Amino acid sequence: MKYLIIPVTPFQQNCTLLWCDATKKAAVVDPGGNLERIQAELTRQGVTLDKILLTHGHIDHVGGAKQLADATGVKIYGPHIADKFLFEELPHQSQTFGFPQCGSFEPDQYLEDGNRLSLGDMEIKVLHCPGHTPGHVVFYHQDTDMALVGDVLFRGSIGRTDFPGSNHGQLLKSITGKLWPLGNQVTFIPGHGPVSTFGEERRSNPFVADQLFD
C-alpha cells in the first residue's frame, strides 16, 4: 500500500490518499475540503479513485466528500451508522466552525466492526472505535501494519470527548481494546498532526500509556 497525506481545511486535517501499487486503484480517506489539492494529487500519482472512506462525521473530515463523490462517480463508505446524526447536522456544523456551506448527506454504505473493503489487490479491515464520536471507525491494512485512526488517537494525545455523543471512557476502551491488540509495530496516521506507532504511544502518551493502567 502506498499513501500520501494531504492536509486540508483550516484545521489542517490529514486527508489521506491510499492506493494499491499493482492496480493503481485509490481511496481518499476523510476529504474534508480543498478538493483541488486532492484531485491534483490523484493526477500527479497516476492513480484512479475507486472509493471514498470516512472515519467519522465531523465537518473537517467529511466536508468535501459528497462533492468529490459527485465529481468522480465513486461511492462513500463509512463511518458507522451511529454517526448518522452528524451527517444530518452538517449545515449547522459548517456554520458553527466557519466552513463553506455543506449540505447534509448520507454515505452510500455505513460500516460495521469487522467489515472488509477491497482496494485493488489490498484488503482493508474496519474497526468500530467509538468515543470521539459514537460511529467512529478505523481503517487497518494488516499487510503493511498501517492504520488510519481519524481522531481516536494522536501522537502524544487522544481525541476530544467534549462533543455531542462523545464518551471519554469509551474512547479509552477503543484505544486499549481495539488498537493496541493490533501490535506495537503498527504505524498510524491520525486525523491531525504527525504519524506515530502504537508502541510509541503505549510508552509515552500521557493519556493512554501502559503505566497508567497498571
N, C-alpha and C. Protein backbone atom coordinates (compact mmCIF):
# COMPACT_ATOMS: atom_id res chain seq x y z
N MET A 1 0.84 -1.20 0.00
CA MET A 1 0.00 0.00 0.00
C MET A 1 0.87 1.24 0.00
N LYS A 2 0.57 2.16 -0.88
CA LYS A 2 1.22 3.47 -0.90
C LYS A 2 0.25 4.48 -0.31
N TYR A 3 0.80 5.54 0.28
CA TYR A 3 -0.08 6.57 0.82
C TYR A 3 0.58 7.94 0.73
N LEU A 4 -0.25 8.96 0.74
CA LEU A 4 0.18 10.35 0.74
C LEU A 4 -0.78 11.14 1.61
N ILE A 5 -0.24 11.87 2.58
CA ILE A 5 -1.07 12.71 3.45
C ILE A 5 -1.23 14.08 2.81
N ILE A 6 -2.47 14.54 2.71
CA ILE A 6 -2.79 15.84 2.11
C ILE A 6 -3.52 16.68 3.15
N PRO A 7 -2.83 17.57 3.86
CA PRO A 7 -3.51 18.40 4.86
C PRO A 7 -4.55 19.32 4.18
N VAL A 8 -5.76 19.33 4.75
CA VAL A 8 -6.84 20.13 4.17
C VAL A 8 -7.57 20.89 5.26
N THR A 9 -8.30 21.90 4.85
CA THR A 9 -9.14 22.76 5.70
C THR A 9 -8.29 23.60 6.66
N PRO A 10 -8.88 24.66 7.22
CA PRO A 10 -8.15 25.45 8.21
C PRO A 10 -7.74 24.64 9.44
N PHE A 11 -8.35 23.47 9.65
CA PHE A 11 -8.00 22.62 10.79
C PHE A 11 -6.81 21.72 10.48
N GLN A 12 -6.23 21.84 9.27
CA GLN A 12 -5.09 21.01 8.85
C GLN A 12 -5.37 19.52 9.13
N GLN A 13 -6.49 19.08 8.62
CA GLN A 13 -6.92 17.69 8.78
C GLN A 13 -6.16 16.81 7.80
N ASN A 14 -5.70 15.66 8.29
CA ASN A 14 -4.92 14.75 7.45
C ASN A 14 -5.81 13.92 6.53
N CYS A 15 -6.20 14.48 5.41
CA CYS A 15 -6.81 13.69 4.36
C CYS A 15 -5.71 12.78 3.80
N THR A 16 -6.02 11.50 3.58
CA THR A 16 -5.00 10.56 3.12
C THR A 16 -5.42 9.90 1.81
N LEU A 17 -4.51 9.93 0.86
CA LEU A 17 -4.69 9.22 -0.40
C LEU A 17 -3.98 7.88 -0.28
N LEU A 18 -4.75 6.79 -0.42
CA LEU A 18 -4.20 5.43 -0.37
C LEU A 18 -4.31 4.81 -1.75
N TRP A 19 -3.34 3.99 -2.12
CA TRP A 19 -3.53 3.27 -3.39
C TRP A 19 -2.77 1.96 -3.42
N CYS A 20 -3.30 1.07 -4.23
CA CYS A 20 -2.68 -0.23 -4.49
C CYS A 20 -1.68 -0.03 -5.62
N ASP A 21 -0.42 -0.31 -5.35
CA ASP A 21 0.62 -0.05 -6.34
C ASP A 21 0.46 -0.92 -7.58
N ALA A 22 -0.10 -2.11 -7.41
CA ALA A 22 -0.23 -3.04 -8.54
C ALA A 22 -1.32 -2.61 -9.50
N THR A 23 -2.45 -2.11 -8.97
CA THR A 23 -3.60 -1.79 -9.82
C THR A 23 -3.81 -0.29 -10.01
N LYS A 24 -3.15 0.52 -9.18
CA LYS A 24 -3.31 1.99 -9.20
C LYS A 24 -4.72 2.43 -8.81
N LYS A 25 -5.47 1.54 -8.15
CA LYS A 25 -6.76 1.94 -7.62
C LYS A 25 -6.55 2.63 -6.28
N ALA A 26 -7.28 3.72 -6.08
CA ALA A 26 -7.03 4.58 -4.91
C ALA A 26 -8.29 4.83 -4.10
N ALA A 27 -8.08 5.15 -2.84
CA ALA A 27 -9.14 5.62 -1.95
C ALA A 27 -8.70 6.94 -1.34
N VAL A 28 -9.64 7.83 -1.12
CA VAL A 28 -9.37 9.05 -0.38
C VAL A 28 -10.08 8.93 0.97
N VAL A 29 -9.31 9.08 2.04
CA VAL A 29 -9.84 8.97 3.39
C VAL A 29 -10.02 10.37 3.97
N ASP A 30 -11.24 10.69 4.35
CA ASP A 30 -11.59 11.95 5.02
C ASP A 30 -11.27 13.20 4.20
N PRO A 31 -11.91 13.34 3.02
CA PRO A 31 -11.74 14.57 2.23
C PRO A 31 -12.57 15.71 2.81
N GLY A 32 -11.99 16.43 3.76
CA GLY A 32 -12.73 17.48 4.45
C GLY A 32 -12.93 18.75 3.64
N GLY A 33 -12.09 18.95 2.63
CA GLY A 33 -12.18 20.15 1.81
C GLY A 33 -10.98 20.25 0.90
N ASN A 34 -10.78 21.44 0.29
CA ASN A 34 -9.65 21.66 -0.61
C ASN A 34 -9.54 20.58 -1.68
N LEU A 35 -10.66 20.34 -2.37
CA LEU A 35 -10.71 19.24 -3.33
C LEU A 35 -9.72 19.40 -4.47
N GLU A 36 -9.35 20.64 -4.78
CA GLU A 36 -8.39 20.85 -5.87
C GLU A 36 -7.04 20.22 -5.52
N ARG A 37 -6.65 20.26 -4.25
CA ARG A 37 -5.40 19.61 -3.82
C ARG A 37 -5.51 18.09 -3.98
N ILE A 38 -6.63 17.55 -3.57
CA ILE A 38 -6.83 16.10 -3.64
C ILE A 38 -6.84 15.63 -5.09
N GLN A 39 -7.58 16.33 -5.92
CA GLN A 39 -7.67 15.92 -7.33
C GLN A 39 -6.33 16.10 -8.05
N ALA A 40 -5.56 17.11 -7.67
CA ALA A 40 -4.24 17.29 -8.26
C ALA A 40 -3.32 16.14 -7.91
N GLU A 41 -3.42 15.63 -6.68
CA GLU A 41 -2.56 14.50 -6.28
C GLU A 41 -2.99 13.20 -6.94
N LEU A 42 -4.28 13.02 -7.15
CA LEU A 42 -4.74 11.84 -7.90
C LEU A 42 -4.10 11.82 -9.28
N THR A 43 -4.08 12.97 -9.93
CA THR A 43 -3.47 13.08 -11.25
C THR A 43 -1.96 12.90 -11.17
N ARG A 44 -1.33 13.56 -10.21
CA ARG A 44 0.13 13.51 -10.09
C ARG A 44 0.63 12.10 -9.81
N GLN A 45 -0.10 11.35 -9.02
CA GLN A 45 0.33 9.99 -8.68
C GLN A 45 -0.08 8.96 -9.73
N GLY A 46 -0.88 9.38 -10.70
CA GLY A 46 -1.30 8.47 -11.76
C GLY A 46 -2.20 7.36 -11.28
N VAL A 47 -3.10 7.68 -10.33
CA VAL A 47 -3.99 6.66 -9.76
C VAL A 47 -5.45 7.01 -10.08
N THR A 48 -6.31 6.00 -9.97
CA THR A 48 -7.73 6.16 -10.27
C THR A 48 -8.53 6.01 -8.99
N LEU A 49 -9.35 7.01 -8.68
CA LEU A 49 -10.14 6.96 -7.45
C LEU A 49 -11.20 5.87 -7.55
N ASP A 50 -11.21 4.99 -6.54
CA ASP A 50 -12.13 3.85 -6.52
C ASP A 50 -13.21 4.01 -5.45
N LYS A 51 -12.87 4.67 -4.33
CA LYS A 51 -13.86 4.86 -3.26
C LYS A 51 -13.39 5.95 -2.31
N ILE A 52 -14.34 6.48 -1.57
CA ILE A 52 -14.08 7.46 -0.51
C ILE A 52 -14.40 6.80 0.82
N LEU A 53 -13.49 6.93 1.78
CA LEU A 53 -13.66 6.35 3.11
C LEU A 53 -13.73 7.45 4.15
N LEU A 54 -14.68 7.34 5.08
CA LEU A 54 -14.85 8.34 6.13
C LEU A 54 -14.72 7.70 7.50
N THR A 55 -13.89 8.30 8.35
CA THR A 55 -13.71 7.76 9.71
C THR A 55 -14.83 8.18 10.65
N HIS A 56 -15.34 9.41 10.48
CA HIS A 56 -16.42 9.89 11.33
C HIS A 56 -17.05 11.13 10.70
N GLY A 57 -18.10 11.64 11.35
CA GLY A 57 -18.94 12.63 10.71
C GLY A 57 -18.66 14.08 11.01
N HIS A 58 -17.48 14.43 11.48
CA HIS A 58 -17.17 15.85 11.73
C HIS A 58 -16.81 16.56 10.43
N ILE A 59 -17.19 17.82 10.35
CA ILE A 59 -17.12 18.60 9.11
C ILE A 59 -15.71 18.64 8.50
N ASP A 60 -14.66 18.72 9.33
CA ASP A 60 -13.31 18.82 8.78
C ASP A 60 -12.84 17.50 8.16
N HIS A 61 -13.61 16.43 8.36
CA HIS A 61 -13.28 15.13 7.78
C HIS A 61 -14.19 14.77 6.60
N VAL A 62 -15.37 15.35 6.55
CA VAL A 62 -16.34 14.93 5.52
C VAL A 62 -16.84 16.07 4.64
N GLY A 63 -16.40 17.29 4.89
CA GLY A 63 -16.98 18.44 4.22
C GLY A 63 -16.91 18.43 2.70
N GLY A 64 -15.90 17.75 2.12
CA GLY A 64 -15.78 17.70 0.67
C GLY A 64 -16.16 16.36 0.07
N ALA A 65 -16.65 15.43 0.90
CA ALA A 65 -16.86 14.06 0.44
C ALA A 65 -17.94 13.96 -0.64
N LYS A 66 -19.08 14.59 -0.42
CA LYS A 66 -20.18 14.49 -1.38
C LYS A 66 -19.80 15.13 -2.70
N GLN A 67 -19.14 16.28 -2.65
CA GLN A 67 -18.73 16.96 -3.88
C GLN A 67 -17.72 16.12 -4.65
N LEU A 68 -16.78 15.49 -3.95
CA LEU A 68 -15.80 14.64 -4.62
C LEU A 68 -16.47 13.40 -5.21
N ALA A 69 -17.41 12.82 -4.48
CA ALA A 69 -18.13 11.65 -4.99
C ALA A 69 -18.92 12.01 -6.24
N ASP A 70 -19.60 13.15 -6.21
CA ASP A 70 -20.39 13.57 -7.37
C ASP A 70 -19.51 13.84 -8.58
N ALA A 71 -18.31 14.38 -8.33
CA ALA A 71 -17.41 14.73 -9.44
C ALA A 71 -16.77 13.50 -10.07
N THR A 72 -16.63 12.42 -9.29
CA THR A 72 -15.88 11.26 -9.78
C THR A 72 -16.74 10.02 -9.97
N GLY A 73 -17.96 10.02 -9.43
CA GLY A 73 -18.85 8.88 -9.59
C GLY A 73 -18.55 7.71 -8.68
N VAL A 74 -17.72 7.91 -7.65
CA VAL A 74 -17.39 6.82 -6.72
C VAL A 74 -18.32 6.87 -5.51
N LYS A 75 -18.32 5.79 -4.75
CA LYS A 75 -19.18 5.69 -3.58
C LYS A 75 -18.43 6.06 -2.30
N ILE A 76 -19.24 6.45 -1.30
CA ILE A 76 -18.71 6.84 0.01
C ILE A 76 -19.01 5.72 1.01
N TYR A 77 -17.98 5.27 1.70
CA TYR A 77 -18.10 4.20 2.69
C TYR A 77 -17.72 4.72 4.07
N GLY A 78 -18.57 4.41 5.05
CA GLY A 78 -18.30 4.79 6.43
C GLY A 78 -18.84 6.17 6.75
N PRO A 79 -18.86 6.44 8.05
CA PRO A 79 -18.45 5.60 9.17
C PRO A 79 -19.56 4.63 9.59
N HIS A 80 -19.63 4.31 10.88
CA HIS A 80 -20.71 3.51 11.44
C HIS A 80 -21.99 4.35 11.50
N ILE A 81 -23.13 3.70 11.43
CA ILE A 81 -24.41 4.41 11.38
C ILE A 81 -24.68 5.25 12.63
N ALA A 82 -23.96 4.98 13.72
CA ALA A 82 -24.14 5.79 14.94
C ALA A 82 -23.77 7.25 14.74
N ASP A 83 -23.05 7.56 13.66
CA ASP A 83 -22.73 8.96 13.34
C ASP A 83 -23.73 9.61 12.39
N LYS A 84 -24.82 8.94 12.11
CA LYS A 84 -25.80 9.49 11.16
C LYS A 84 -26.25 10.89 11.56
N PHE A 85 -26.43 11.13 12.85
CA PHE A 85 -26.90 12.44 13.31
C PHE A 85 -25.93 13.56 12.93
N LEU A 86 -24.63 13.24 12.86
CA LEU A 86 -23.65 14.26 12.49
C LEU A 86 -23.77 14.64 11.01
N PHE A 87 -24.11 13.69 10.16
CA PHE A 87 -24.31 14.00 8.74
C PHE A 87 -25.57 14.83 8.55
N GLU A 88 -26.57 14.58 9.38
CA GLU A 88 -27.80 15.39 9.31
C GLU A 88 -27.54 16.82 9.76
N GLU A 89 -26.53 17.00 10.63
CA GLU A 89 -26.24 18.32 11.19
C GLU A 89 -25.13 19.07 10.45
N LEU A 90 -24.72 18.56 9.28
CA LEU A 90 -23.61 19.21 8.57
C LEU A 90 -23.86 20.68 8.24
N PRO A 91 -25.06 21.09 7.86
CA PRO A 91 -25.26 22.54 7.64
C PRO A 91 -24.95 23.36 8.90
N HIS A 92 -25.37 22.85 10.05
CA HIS A 92 -25.08 23.55 11.33
C HIS A 92 -23.60 23.48 11.65
N GLN A 93 -22.97 22.31 11.43
CA GLN A 93 -21.54 22.19 11.68
C GLN A 93 -20.74 23.18 10.85
N SER A 94 -21.08 23.29 9.57
CA SER A 94 -20.31 24.17 8.69
C SER A 94 -20.43 25.63 9.13
N GLN A 95 -21.61 26.00 9.59
CA GLN A 95 -21.82 27.37 10.07
C GLN A 95 -21.08 27.61 11.37
N THR A 96 -21.16 26.65 12.28
CA THR A 96 -20.55 26.79 13.60
C THR A 96 -19.04 26.93 13.52
N PHE A 97 -18.40 26.15 12.63
CA PHE A 97 -16.95 26.12 12.56
C PHE A 97 -16.37 26.95 11.42
N GLY A 98 -17.21 27.73 10.75
CA GLY A 98 -16.73 28.64 9.73
C GLY A 98 -16.27 27.97 8.45
N PHE A 99 -16.87 26.84 8.12
CA PHE A 99 -16.54 26.13 6.89
C PHE A 99 -17.48 26.56 5.76
N PRO A 100 -17.09 26.33 4.51
CA PRO A 100 -18.04 26.56 3.41
C PRO A 100 -19.33 25.77 3.65
N GLN A 101 -20.45 26.32 3.22
CA GLN A 101 -21.73 25.67 3.45
C GLN A 101 -21.72 24.24 2.93
N CYS A 102 -22.13 23.32 3.76
CA CYS A 102 -22.15 21.90 3.42
C CYS A 102 -23.53 21.34 3.73
N GLY A 103 -24.19 20.79 2.73
CA GLY A 103 -25.49 20.20 2.94
C GLY A 103 -25.39 18.83 3.58
N SER A 104 -26.47 18.41 4.21
CA SER A 104 -26.49 17.07 4.79
C SER A 104 -26.50 16.02 3.68
N PHE A 105 -25.90 14.89 3.96
CA PHE A 105 -25.92 13.77 3.03
C PHE A 105 -25.71 12.49 3.82
N GLU A 106 -25.91 11.37 3.16
CA GLU A 106 -25.63 10.08 3.79
C GLU A 106 -24.61 9.33 2.96
N PRO A 107 -23.70 8.61 3.60
CA PRO A 107 -22.78 7.75 2.85
C PRO A 107 -23.56 6.70 2.07
N ASP A 108 -22.95 6.17 1.03
CA ASP A 108 -23.58 5.08 0.28
C ASP A 108 -23.67 3.82 1.11
N GLN A 109 -22.72 3.63 2.02
CA GLN A 109 -22.73 2.45 2.88
C GLN A 109 -22.13 2.77 4.23
N TYR A 110 -22.92 2.60 5.29
CA TYR A 110 -22.36 2.64 6.63
C TYR A 110 -21.60 1.35 6.88
N LEU A 111 -20.63 1.40 7.80
CA LEU A 111 -19.77 0.26 8.04
C LEU A 111 -19.96 -0.31 9.44
N GLU A 112 -19.67 -1.59 9.57
CA GLU A 112 -19.75 -2.29 10.85
C GLU A 112 -18.36 -2.79 11.24
N ASP A 113 -18.17 -3.00 12.53
CA ASP A 113 -16.93 -3.58 13.01
C ASP A 113 -16.69 -4.94 12.34
N GLY A 114 -15.50 -5.12 11.79
CA GLY A 114 -15.17 -6.38 11.13
C GLY A 114 -15.39 -6.40 9.64
N ASN A 115 -16.06 -5.37 9.10
CA ASN A 115 -16.20 -5.29 7.64
C ASN A 115 -14.83 -5.26 6.97
N ARG A 116 -14.76 -5.75 5.75
CA ARG A 116 -13.52 -5.70 4.98
C ARG A 116 -13.82 -5.05 3.63
N LEU A 117 -12.96 -4.12 3.25
CA LEU A 117 -13.11 -3.40 1.99
C LEU A 117 -11.94 -3.73 1.09
N SER A 118 -12.21 -3.88 -0.20
CA SER A 118 -11.14 -4.14 -1.16
C SER A 118 -10.71 -2.85 -1.83
N LEU A 119 -9.43 -2.75 -2.09
CA LEU A 119 -8.87 -1.63 -2.85
C LEU A 119 -7.81 -2.22 -3.76
N GLY A 120 -8.16 -2.45 -5.01
CA GLY A 120 -7.27 -3.18 -5.89
C GLY A 120 -7.00 -4.56 -5.32
N ASP A 121 -5.74 -4.90 -5.14
CA ASP A 121 -5.35 -6.19 -4.57
C ASP A 121 -5.29 -6.17 -3.04
N MET A 122 -5.62 -5.06 -2.43
CA MET A 122 -5.49 -4.92 -0.98
C MET A 122 -6.83 -5.14 -0.29
N GLU A 123 -6.75 -5.52 0.99
CA GLU A 123 -7.93 -5.64 1.83
C GLU A 123 -7.74 -4.77 3.06
N ILE A 124 -8.75 -3.97 3.33
CA ILE A 124 -8.72 -3.06 4.47
C ILE A 124 -9.79 -3.47 5.46
N LYS A 125 -9.38 -3.64 6.72
CA LYS A 125 -10.31 -4.05 7.76
C LYS A 125 -10.88 -2.83 8.48
N VAL A 126 -12.14 -2.92 8.85
CA VAL A 126 -12.84 -1.84 9.56
C VAL A 126 -12.97 -2.19 11.03
N LEU A 127 -12.59 -1.26 11.90
CA LEU A 127 -12.78 -1.42 13.34
C LEU A 127 -13.65 -0.27 13.84
N HIS A 128 -14.73 -0.60 14.50
CA HIS A 128 -15.59 0.42 15.10
C HIS A 128 -14.95 0.84 16.42
N CYS A 129 -14.56 2.12 16.51
CA CYS A 129 -13.83 2.63 17.68
C CYS A 129 -14.53 3.88 18.21
N PRO A 130 -15.66 3.72 18.89
CA PRO A 130 -16.40 4.88 19.39
C PRO A 130 -15.68 5.57 20.53
N GLY A 131 -16.10 6.79 20.79
CA GLY A 131 -15.56 7.59 21.89
C GLY A 131 -15.45 9.05 21.51
N HIS A 132 -14.68 9.34 20.46
CA HIS A 132 -14.63 10.71 19.94
C HIS A 132 -15.99 11.05 19.33
N THR A 133 -16.50 10.14 18.53
CA THR A 133 -17.90 10.16 18.08
C THR A 133 -18.42 8.73 18.25
N PRO A 134 -19.73 8.56 18.34
CA PRO A 134 -20.26 7.21 18.56
C PRO A 134 -20.08 6.27 17.37
N GLY A 135 -19.92 6.83 16.17
CA GLY A 135 -19.80 5.98 14.99
C GLY A 135 -18.41 5.95 14.38
N HIS A 136 -17.41 6.39 15.09
CA HIS A 136 -16.05 6.48 14.54
C HIS A 136 -15.53 5.09 14.16
N VAL A 137 -14.90 5.01 12.99
CA VAL A 137 -14.25 3.77 12.57
C VAL A 137 -12.78 4.03 12.26
N VAL A 138 -11.99 2.95 12.32
CA VAL A 138 -10.57 2.97 11.97
C VAL A 138 -10.38 2.01 10.81
N PHE A 139 -9.50 2.37 9.88
CA PHE A 139 -9.18 1.52 8.74
C PHE A 139 -7.78 0.94 8.92
N TYR A 140 -7.68 -0.39 8.81
CA TYR A 140 -6.42 -1.08 9.11
C TYR A 140 -6.01 -1.98 7.96
N HIS A 141 -4.76 -1.80 7.49
CA HIS A 141 -4.20 -2.66 6.44
C HIS A 141 -3.13 -3.54 7.07
N GLN A 142 -3.47 -4.81 7.25
CA GLN A 142 -2.61 -5.72 8.00
C GLN A 142 -1.28 -5.98 7.31
N ASP A 143 -1.29 -6.09 5.99
CA ASP A 143 -0.06 -6.47 5.27
C ASP A 143 1.06 -5.46 5.46
N THR A 144 0.71 -4.19 5.64
CA THR A 144 1.73 -3.16 5.83
C THR A 144 1.73 -2.60 7.26
N ASP A 145 0.90 -3.17 8.14
CA ASP A 145 0.81 -2.68 9.53
C ASP A 145 0.59 -1.18 9.57
N MET A 146 -0.45 -0.75 8.86
CA MET A 146 -0.78 0.67 8.78
C MET A 146 -2.25 0.86 9.18
N ALA A 147 -2.51 1.83 10.04
CA ALA A 147 -3.88 2.14 10.46
C ALA A 147 -4.17 3.63 10.26
N LEU A 148 -5.35 3.92 9.80
CA LEU A 148 -5.84 5.29 9.69
C LEU A 148 -6.87 5.47 10.78
N VAL A 149 -6.51 6.25 11.81
CA VAL A 149 -7.29 6.25 13.05
C VAL A 149 -8.15 7.49 13.24
N GLY A 150 -8.19 8.38 12.24
CA GLY A 150 -9.02 9.57 12.41
C GLY A 150 -8.67 10.32 13.68
N ASP A 151 -9.68 10.68 14.45
CA ASP A 151 -9.46 11.47 15.67
C ASP A 151 -9.57 10.62 16.93
N VAL A 152 -9.31 9.31 16.83
CA VAL A 152 -9.28 8.46 18.02
C VAL A 152 -8.00 8.70 18.81
N LEU A 153 -6.88 8.71 18.10
CA LEU A 153 -5.55 8.76 18.73
C LEU A 153 -4.64 9.69 17.95
N PHE A 154 -3.80 10.42 18.68
CA PHE A 154 -2.81 11.29 18.07
C PHE A 154 -1.44 11.00 18.68
N ARG A 155 -0.42 11.51 18.04
CA ARG A 155 0.91 11.43 18.65
C ARG A 155 0.91 12.28 19.92
N GLY A 156 1.00 11.62 21.06
CA GLY A 156 1.03 12.32 22.33
C GLY A 156 -0.29 12.79 22.88
N SER A 157 -1.39 12.38 22.25
CA SER A 157 -2.70 12.83 22.72
C SER A 157 -3.78 11.85 22.26
N ILE A 158 -5.02 12.19 22.59
CA ILE A 158 -6.17 11.39 22.16
C ILE A 158 -7.26 12.33 21.67
N GLY A 159 -8.31 11.76 21.10
CA GLY A 159 -9.40 12.58 20.57
C GLY A 159 -10.17 13.31 21.66
N ARG A 160 -10.73 14.44 21.29
CA ARG A 160 -11.57 15.20 22.21
C ARG A 160 -12.85 14.43 22.52
N THR A 161 -13.35 14.62 23.72
CA THR A 161 -14.60 13.96 24.10
C THR A 161 -15.60 14.95 24.71
N ASP A 162 -15.54 16.19 24.21
CA ASP A 162 -16.48 17.21 24.68
C ASP A 162 -17.51 17.56 23.61
N PHE A 163 -17.68 16.69 22.63
CA PHE A 163 -18.67 16.89 21.58
C PHE A 163 -19.92 16.08 21.87
N PRO A 164 -21.06 16.44 21.26
CA PRO A 164 -22.26 15.61 21.42
C PRO A 164 -21.99 14.17 20.99
N GLY A 165 -22.35 13.23 21.84
CA GLY A 165 -22.14 11.82 21.54
C GLY A 165 -20.78 11.28 21.93
N SER A 166 -19.87 12.15 22.38
CA SER A 166 -18.54 11.70 22.79
C SER A 166 -18.61 11.01 24.15
N ASN A 167 -17.62 10.14 24.40
CA ASN A 167 -17.58 9.43 25.67
C ASN A 167 -16.13 9.07 25.97
N HIS A 168 -15.58 9.67 27.02
CA HIS A 168 -14.15 9.51 27.32
C HIS A 168 -13.79 8.06 27.66
N GLY A 169 -14.59 7.45 28.51
CA GLY A 169 -14.32 6.07 28.88
C GLY A 169 -14.38 5.13 27.69
N GLN A 170 -15.33 5.38 26.81
CA GLN A 170 -15.47 4.58 25.60
C GLN A 170 -14.26 4.76 24.69
N LEU A 171 -13.75 5.98 24.61
CA LEU A 171 -12.57 6.24 23.78
C LEU A 171 -11.36 5.47 24.30
N LEU A 172 -11.13 5.51 25.60
CA LEU A 172 -10.01 4.76 26.17
C LEU A 172 -10.15 3.27 25.91
N LYS A 173 -11.37 2.77 26.00
CA LYS A 173 -11.62 1.35 25.74
C LYS A 173 -11.36 1.01 24.28
N SER A 174 -11.72 1.91 23.37
CA SER A 174 -11.46 1.68 21.95
C SER A 174 -9.96 1.60 21.67
N ILE A 175 -9.20 2.52 22.28
CA ILE A 175 -7.76 2.55 22.04
C ILE A 175 -7.08 1.32 22.61
N THR A 176 -7.36 1.02 23.88
CA THR A 176 -6.66 -0.08 24.53
C THR A 176 -7.20 -1.45 24.13
N GLY A 177 -8.49 -1.49 23.78
CA GLY A 177 -9.10 -2.78 23.47
C GLY A 177 -9.15 -3.13 22.00
N LYS A 178 -9.14 -2.12 21.12
CA LYS A 178 -9.23 -2.37 19.67
C LYS A 178 -7.90 -2.10 18.95
N LEU A 179 -7.21 -1.02 19.33
CA LEU A 179 -5.99 -0.66 18.62
C LEU A 179 -4.76 -1.38 19.15
N TRP A 180 -4.54 -1.36 20.46
CA TRP A 180 -3.33 -1.97 21.00
C TRP A 180 -3.16 -3.44 20.60
N PRO A 181 -4.23 -4.25 20.55
CA PRO A 181 -4.04 -5.66 20.17
C PRO A 181 -3.52 -5.86 18.73
N LEU A 182 -3.60 -4.82 17.90
CA LEU A 182 -3.06 -4.95 16.54
C LEU A 182 -1.54 -5.05 16.54
N GLY A 183 -0.89 -4.57 17.61
CA GLY A 183 0.56 -4.71 17.73
C GLY A 183 1.30 -3.39 17.82
N ASN A 184 2.37 -3.38 18.60
CA ASN A 184 3.18 -2.17 18.78
C ASN A 184 3.81 -1.68 17.49
N GLN A 185 3.98 -2.58 16.53
CA GLN A 185 4.67 -2.24 15.29
C GLN A 185 3.80 -1.42 14.33
N VAL A 186 2.51 -1.31 14.62
CA VAL A 186 1.61 -0.63 13.68
C VAL A 186 1.91 0.86 13.64
N THR A 187 2.10 1.39 12.45
CA THR A 187 2.20 2.83 12.21
C THR A 187 0.79 3.37 11.99
N PHE A 188 0.49 4.51 12.59
CA PHE A 188 -0.86 5.06 12.38
C PHE A 188 -0.79 6.50 11.87
N ILE A 189 -1.75 6.80 11.01
CA ILE A 189 -1.95 8.16 10.51
C ILE A 189 -3.13 8.73 11.27
N PRO A 190 -2.92 9.76 12.08
CA PRO A 190 -4.02 10.38 12.81
C PRO A 190 -4.76 11.40 11.95
N GLY A 191 -5.87 11.88 12.48
CA GLY A 191 -6.64 12.88 11.75
C GLY A 191 -5.98 14.24 11.70
N HIS A 192 -5.03 14.47 12.59
CA HIS A 192 -4.28 15.73 12.63
C HIS A 192 -2.89 15.42 13.17
N GLY A 193 -1.90 16.13 12.68
CA GLY A 193 -0.56 16.00 13.23
C GLY A 193 0.24 14.85 12.65
N PRO A 194 1.44 14.61 13.24
CA PRO A 194 2.38 13.64 12.67
C PRO A 194 1.99 12.19 12.94
N VAL A 195 2.52 11.30 12.10
CA VAL A 195 2.31 9.87 12.29
C VAL A 195 3.11 9.40 13.51
N SER A 196 2.73 8.22 14.03
CA SER A 196 3.43 7.61 15.14
C SER A 196 3.18 6.11 15.06
N THR A 197 3.57 5.39 16.10
CA THR A 197 3.30 3.96 16.19
C THR A 197 2.54 3.68 17.48
N PHE A 198 1.82 2.58 17.50
CA PHE A 198 1.11 2.20 18.71
C PHE A 198 2.10 1.95 19.85
N GLY A 199 3.26 1.35 19.51
CA GLY A 199 4.26 1.09 20.54
C GLY A 199 4.75 2.36 21.20
N GLU A 200 4.99 3.39 20.39
CA GLU A 200 5.46 4.67 20.95
C GLU A 200 4.40 5.28 21.86
N GLU A 201 3.15 5.22 21.46
CA GLU A 201 2.08 5.80 22.28
C GLU A 201 1.88 5.00 23.56
N ARG A 202 2.06 3.70 23.50
CA ARG A 202 1.95 2.88 24.71
C ARG A 202 3.07 3.21 25.70
N ARG A 203 4.18 3.67 25.19
CA ARG A 203 5.30 4.04 26.06
C ARG A 203 5.17 5.45 26.63
N SER A 204 4.68 6.39 25.81
CA SER A 204 4.86 7.79 26.21
C SER A 204 3.60 8.66 26.18
N ASN A 205 2.50 8.18 25.63
CA ASN A 205 1.30 9.03 25.53
C ASN A 205 0.73 9.29 26.93
N PRO A 206 0.61 10.56 27.35
CA PRO A 206 0.19 10.85 28.73
C PRO A 206 -1.25 10.48 29.04
N PHE A 207 -2.02 10.07 28.01
CA PHE A 207 -3.41 9.70 28.23
C PHE A 207 -3.65 8.20 28.22
N VAL A 208 -2.81 7.46 27.46
CA VAL A 208 -3.09 6.03 27.29
C VAL A 208 -1.82 5.16 27.41
N ALA A 209 -0.75 5.70 27.97
CA ALA A 209 0.46 4.87 28.15
C ALA A 209 0.15 3.70 29.08
N ASP A 210 0.83 2.60 28.84
CA ASP A 210 0.56 1.36 29.59
C ASP A 210 0.64 1.57 31.10
N GLN A 211 1.60 2.39 31.56
CA GLN A 211 1.79 2.53 33.01
C GLN A 211 0.59 3.14 33.70
N LEU A 212 -0.28 3.81 32.94
CA LEU A 212 -1.46 4.42 33.53
C LEU A 212 -2.51 3.39 33.92
N PHE A 213 -2.39 2.20 33.33
CA PHE A 213 -3.41 1.18 33.54
C PHE A 213 -2.90 -0.01 34.33
N ASP A 214 -1.68 0.10 34.86
CA ASP A 214 -1.11 -1.00 35.65
C ASP A 214 -1.85 -1.16 36.98
